[in-house]
Amino acid sequence: MHTIRWRKSSHSGDSSNCVEIATTPAAVLIRDSKTTPGPRLGLSPAAWAVFLAHLTK
């Protein structure tokens, strides 16, 4: 079984108002740090790469 390790951006500082991500071999998971047991968004690694490419434009 793969252990999911959530992490926040280093830019979030001490704020709990942030999104967190976790990577698995099959997906990049995204959740709200204020509602950790709540819903998660899952993207394929390819979709995540496209998303990140748009952020740097």
PDB file of N, CA and C in Angstrom:
ATOM      1  N   MET A   1       0.845  -1.191   0.000  1.00  0.00           N
ATOM      2  CA  MET A   1       0.000   0.000   0.000  1.00  0.00           C
ATOM      3  C   MET A   1       0.881   1.242   0.000  1.00  0.00           C
ATOM      4  N   HIS A   2       0.508   2.231  -0.781  1.00  0.00           N
ATOM      5  CA  HIS A   2       1.252   3.481  -0.888  1.00  0.00           C
ATOM      6  C   HIS A   2       0.790   4.448   0.208  1.00  0.00           C
ATOM      7  N   THR A   3       1.729   5.008   0.965  1.00  0.00           N
ATOM      8  CA  THR A   3       1.412   6.001   1.981  1.00  0.00           C
ATOM      9  C   THR A   3       1.299   7.365   1.328  1.00  0.00           C
ATOM     10  N   ILE A   4       0.200   8.054   1.597  1.00  0.00           N
ATOM     11  CA  ILE A   4      -0.003   9.388   1.034  1.00  0.00           C
ATOM     12  C   ILE A   4       0.612  10.403   1.984  1.00  0.00           C
ATOM     13  N   ARG A   5       1.523  11.218   1.450  1.00  0.00           N
ATOM     14  CA  ARG A   5       2.175  12.273   2.239  1.00  0.00           C
ATOM     15  C   ARG A   5       1.759  13.622   1.672  1.00  0.00           C
ATOM     16  N   TRP A   6       0.962  14.334   2.429  1.00  0.00           N
ATOM     17  CA  TRP A   6       0.469  15.646   2.017  1.00  0.00           C
ATOM     18  C   TRP A   6       1.508  16.711   2.330  1.00  0.00           C
ATOM     19  N   ARG A   7       1.569  17.728   1.471  1.00  0.00           N
ATOM     20  CA  ARG A   7       2.488  18.841   1.722  1.00  0.00           C
ATOM     21  C   ARG A   7       1.877  20.151   1.214  1.00  0.00           C
ATOM     22  N   LYS A   8       2.268  21.230   1.879  1.00  0.00           N
ATOM     23  CA  LYS A   8       1.843  22.581   1.498  1.00  0.00           C
ATOM     24  C   LYS A   8       2.994  23.280   0.811  1.00  0.00           C
ATOM     25  N   SER A   9       2.652  24.313   0.101  1.00  0.00           N
ATOM     26  CA  SER A   9       3.669  25.159  -0.504  1.00  0.00           C
ATOM     27  C   SER A   9       4.480  25.848   0.586  1.00  0.00           C
ATOM     28  N   SER A  10       5.756  26.011   0.337  1.00  0.00           N
ATOM     29  CA  SER A  10       6.592  26.753   1.289  1.00  0.00           C
ATOM     30  C   SER A  10       6.183  28.220   1.337  1.00  0.00           C
ATOM     31  N   HIS A  11       5.430  28.685   0.355  1.00  0.00           N
ATOM     32  CA  HIS A  11       4.966  30.075   0.317  1.00  0.00           C
ATOM     33  C   HIS A  11       3.767  30.308   1.227  1.00  0.00           C
ATOM     34  N   SER A  12       3.177  29.245   1.785  1.00  0.00           N
ATOM     35  CA  SER A  12       1.991  29.412   2.617  1.00  0.00           C
ATOM     36  C   SER A  12       2.327  29.848   4.035  1.00  0.00           C
ATOM     37  N   GLY A  13       3.593  29.737   4.437  1.00  0.00           N
ATOM     38  CA  GLY A  13       3.990  30.163   5.783  1.00  0.00           C
ATOM     39  C   GLY A  13       3.258  29.379   6.844  1.00  0.00           C
ATOM     40  N   ASP A  14       2.769  30.069   7.876  1.00  0.00           N
ATOM     41  CA  ASP A  14       2.042  29.404   8.956  1.00  0.00           C
ATOM     42  C   ASP A  14       0.548  29.359   8.702  1.00  0.00           C
ATOM     43  N   SER A  15       0.101  29.866   7.583  1.00  0.00           N
ATOM     44  CA  SER A  15      -1.326  29.922   7.286  1.00  0.00           C
ATOM     45  C   SER A  15      -1.893  28.526   7.055  1.00  0.00           C
ATOM     46  N   SER A  16      -3.063  28.296   7.583  1.00  0.00           N
ATOM     47  CA  SER A  16      -3.737  27.017   7.325  1.00  0.00           C
ATOM     48  C   SER A  16      -4.683  27.145   6.137  1.00  0.00           C
ATOM     49  N   ASN A  17      -4.784  28.333   5.544  1.00  0.00           N
ATOM     50  CA  ASN A  17      -5.647  28.561   4.393  1.00  0.00           C
ATOM     51  C   ASN A  17      -4.870  28.296   3.117  1.00  0.00           C
ATOM     52  N   CYS A  18      -4.738  27.049   2.799  1.00  0.00           N
ATOM     53  CA  CYS A  18      -3.877  26.664   1.707  1.00  0.00           C
ATOM     54  C   CYS A  18      -4.390  25.363   1.103  1.00  0.00           C
ATOM     55  N   VAL A  19      -3.970  25.079  -0.086  1.00  0.00           N
ATOM     56  CA  VAL A  19      -4.211  23.752  -0.632  1.00  0.00           C
ATOM     57  C   VAL A  19      -2.979  22.904  -0.363  1.00  0.00           C
ATOM     58  N   GLU A  20      -3.196  21.623  -0.275  1.00  0.00           N
ATOM     59  CA  GLU A  20      -2.115  20.675  -0.086  1.00  0.00           C
ATOM     60  C   GLU A  20      -2.138  19.698  -1.251  1.00  0.00           C
ATOM     61  N   ILE A  21      -0.978  19.168  -1.592  1.00  0.00           N
ATOM     62  CA  ILE A  21      -0.915  18.157  -2.641  1.00  0.00           C
ATOM     63  C   ILE A  21      -0.193  16.920  -2.116  1.00  0.00           C
ATOM     64  N   ALA A  22      -0.510  15.820  -2.741  1.00  0.00           N
ATOM     65  CA  ALA A  22       0.175  14.555  -2.479  1.00  0.00           C
ATOM     66  C   ALA A  22       0.320  13.851  -3.818  1.00  0.00           C
ATOM     67  N   THR A  23       1.425  13.187  -4.001  1.00  0.00           N
ATOM     68  CA  THR A  23       1.634  12.472  -5.256  1.00  0.00           C
ATOM     69  C   THR A  23       1.656  10.969  -4.992  1.00  0.00           C
ATOM     70  N   THR A  24       1.076  10.245  -5.905  1.00  0.00           N
ATOM     71  CA  THR A  24       1.119   8.791  -5.924  1.00  0.00           C
ATOM     72  C   THR A  24       1.604   8.404  -7.314  1.00  0.00           C
ATOM     73  N   PRO A  25       1.917   7.165  -7.534  1.00  0.00           N
ATOM     74  CA  PRO A  25       2.351   6.780  -8.881  1.00  0.00           C
ATOM     75  C   PRO A  25       1.298   7.062  -9.970  1.00  0.00           C
ATOM     76  N   ALA A  26       0.025   7.037  -9.600  1.00  0.00           N
ATOM     77  CA  ALA A  26      -1.036   7.187 -10.598  1.00  0.00           C
ATOM     78  C   ALA A  26      -1.707   8.555 -10.618  1.00  0.00           C
ATOM     79  N   ALA A  27      -1.495   9.382  -9.581  1.00  0.00           N
ATOM     80  CA  ALA A  27      -2.257  10.631  -9.508  1.00  0.00           C
ATOM     81  C   ALA A  27      -1.556  11.668  -8.644  1.00  0.00           C
ATOM     82  N   VAL A  28      -1.937  12.918  -8.885  1.00  0.00           N
ATOM     83  CA  VAL A  28      -1.591  14.026  -8.000  1.00  0.00           C
ATOM     84  C   VAL A  28      -2.899  14.411  -7.324  1.00  0.00           C
ATOM     85  N   LEU A  29      -2.922  14.353  -5.999  1.00  0.00           N
ATOM     86  CA  LEU A  29      -4.122  14.641  -5.229  1.00  0.00           C
ATOM     87  C   LEU A  29      -4.031  16.043  -4.647  1.00  0.00           C
ATOM     88  N   ILE A  30      -5.165  16.730  -4.610  1.00  0.00           N
ATOM     89  CA  ILE A  30      -5.231  18.107  -4.123  1.00  0.00           C
ATOM     90  C   ILE A  30      -6.376  18.188  -3.119  1.00  0.00           C
ATOM     91  N   ARG A  31      -6.142  18.857  -1.986  1.00  0.00           N
ATOM     92  CA  ARG A  31      -7.198  19.031  -0.986  1.00  0.00           C
ATOM     93  C   ARG A  31      -7.061  20.388  -0.310  1.00  0.00           C
ATOM     94  N   ASP A  32      -8.115  20.804   0.361  1.00  0.00           N
ATOM     95  CA  ASP A  32      -8.142  22.041   1.140  1.00  0.00           C
ATOM     96  C   ASP A  32      -7.544  21.750   2.509  1.00  0.00           C
ATOM     97  N   SER A  33      -6.552  22.527   2.925  1.00  0.00           N
ATOM     98  CA  SER A  33      -5.901  22.273   4.207  1.00  0.00           C
ATOM     99  C   SER A  33      -6.815  22.529   5.402  1.00  0.00           C
ATOM    100  N   LYS A  34      -7.897  23.276   5.211  1.00  0.00           N
ATOM    101  CA  LYS A  34      -8.840  23.536   6.299  1.00  0.00           C
ATOM    102  C   LYS A  34      -9.803  22.374   6.496  1.00  0.00           C
ATOM    103  N   THR A  35      -9.952  21.528   5.482  1.00  0.00           N
ATOM    104  CA  THR A  35     -10.901  20.418   5.520  1.00  0.00           C
ATOM    105  C   THR A  35     -10.194  19.157   5.047  1.00  0.00           C
ATOM    106  N   THR A  36      -9.217  18.704   5.809  1.00  0.00           N
ATOM    107  CA  THR A  36      -8.390  17.583   5.357  1.00  0.00           C
ATOM    108  C   THR A  36      -9.156  16.282   5.123  1.00  0.00           C
ATOM    109  N   PRO A  37     -10.214  15.972   5.886  1.00  0.00           N
ATOM    110  CA  PRO A  37     -10.929  14.733   5.565  1.00  0.00           C
ATOM    111  C   PRO A  37     -11.948  14.922   4.429  1.00  0.00           C
ATOM    112  N   GLY A  38     -12.080  16.146   3.946  1.00  0.00           N
ATOM    113  CA  GLY A  38     -13.063  16.458   2.920  1.00  0.00           C
ATOM    114  C   GLY A  38     -12.686  15.931   1.548  1.00  0.00           C
ATOM    115  N   PRO A  39     -13.337  16.447   0.526  1.00  0.00           N
ATOM    116  CA  PRO A  39     -13.114  15.951  -0.834  1.00  0.00           C
ATOM    117  C   PRO A  39     -11.702  16.234  -1.341  1.00  0.00           C
ATOM    118  N   ARG A  40     -11.294  15.412  -2.278  1.00  0.00           N
ATOM    119  CA  ARG A  40      -9.981  15.554  -2.925  1.00  0.00           C
ATOM    120  C   ARG A  40     -10.189  15.605  -4.424  1.00  0.00           C
ATOM    121  N   LEU A  41      -9.355  16.364  -5.064  1.00  0.00           N
ATOM    122  CA  LEU A  41      -9.326  16.407  -6.516  1.00  0.00           C
ATOM    123  C   LEU A  41      -8.141  15.573  -6.959  1.00  0.00           C
ATOM    124  N   GLY A  42      -8.339  14.692  -7.904  1.00  0.00           N
ATOM    125  CA  GLY A  42      -7.259  13.859  -8.407  1.00  0.00           C
ATOM    126  C   GLY A  42      -6.986  14.140  -9.867  1.00  0.00           C
ATOM    127  N   LEU A  43      -5.734  14.379 -10.202  1.00  0.00           N
ATOM    128  CA  LEU A  43      -5.317  14.617 -11.585  1.00  0.00           C
ATOM    129  C   LEU A  43      -4.278  13.586 -11.982  1.00  0.00           C
ATOM    130  N   SER A  44      -4.267  13.250 -13.241  1.00  0.00           N
ATOM    131  CA  SER A  44      -3.190  12.382 -13.725  1.00  0.00           C
ATOM    132  C   SER A  44      -1.890  13.184 -13.694  1.00  0.00           C
ATOM    133  N   PRO A  45      -0.760  12.522 -13.616  1.00  0.00           N
ATOM    134  CA  PRO A  45       0.508  13.266 -13.661  1.00  0.00           C
ATOM    135  C   PRO A  45       0.631  14.131 -14.923  1.00  0.00           C
ATOM    136  N   ALA A  46       0.123  13.665 -16.049  1.00  0.00           N
ATOM    137  CA  ALA A  46       0.183  14.451 -17.286  1.00  0.00           C
ATOM    138  C   ALA A  46      -0.678  15.713 -17.180  1.00  0.00           C
ATOM    139  N   ALA A  47      -1.879  15.583 -16.614  1.00  0.00           N
ATOM    140  CA  ALA A  47      -2.756  16.750 -16.443  1.00  0.00           C
ATOM    141  C   ALA A  47      -2.140  17.745 -15.459  1.00  0.00           C
ATOM    142  N   TRP A  48      -1.498  17.255 -14.416  1.00  0.00           N
ATOM    143  CA  TRP A  48      -0.822  18.121 -13.448  1.00  0.00           C
ATOM    144  C   TRP A  48       0.296  18.911 -14.131  1.00  0.00           C
ATOM    145  N   ALA A  49       1.058  18.252 -14.985  1.00  0.00           N
ATOM    146  CA  ALA A  49       2.147  18.925 -15.697  1.00  0.00           C
ATOM    147  C   ALA A  49       1.613  20.032 -16.598  1.00  0.00           C
ATOM    148  N   VAL A  50       0.492  19.783 -17.255  1.00  0.00           N
ATOM    149  CA  VAL A  50      -0.128  20.822 -18.095  1.00  0.00           C
ATOM    150  C   VAL A  50      -0.588  21.979 -17.234  1.00  0.00           C
ATOM    151  N   PHE A  51      -1.220  21.684 -16.096  1.00  0.00           N
ATOM    152  CA  PHE A  51      -1.666  22.725 -15.168  1.00  0.00           C
ATOM    153  C   PHE A  51      -0.498  23.596 -14.703  1.00  0.00           C
ATOM    154  N   LEU A  52       0.590  22.968 -14.285  1.00  0.00           N
ATOM    155  CA  LEU A  52       1.766  23.725 -13.833  1.00  0.00           C
ATOM    156  C   LEU A  52       2.369  24.567 -14.942  1.00  0.00           C
ATOM    157  N   ALA A  53       2.358  24.048 -16.161  1.00  0.00           N
ATOM    158  CA  ALA A  53       2.888  24.814 -17.295  1.00  0.00           C
ATOM    159  C   ALA A  53       2.078  26.096 -17.500  1.00  0.00           C
ATOM    160  N   HIS A  54       0.774  26.037 -17.274  1.00  0.00           N
ATOM    161  CA  HIS A  54      -0.061  27.242 -17.431  1.00  0.00           C
ATOM    162  C   HIS A  54       0.176  28.251 -16.320  1.00  0.00           C
ATOM    163  N   LEU A  55       0.585  27.790 -15.153  1.00  0.00           N
ATOM    164  CA  LEU A  55       0.860  28.706 -14.040  1.00  0.00           C
ATOM    165  C   LEU A  55       2.095  29.547 -14.269  1.00  0.00           C
ATOM    166  N   THR A  56       3.025  29.033 -15.030  1.00  0.00           N
ATOM    167  CA  THR A  56       4.296  29.752 -15.235  1.00  0.00           C
ATOM    168  C   THR A  56       4.260  30.685 -16.428  1.00  0.00           C
ATOM    169  N   LYS A  57       3.132  30.768 -17.097  1.00  0.00           N
ATOM    170  CA  LYS A  57       3.033  31.668 -18.276  1.00  0.00           C
ATOM    171  C   LYS A  57       2.790  33.089 -17.856  1.00  0.00           C
TER     172      LYS A  57
END
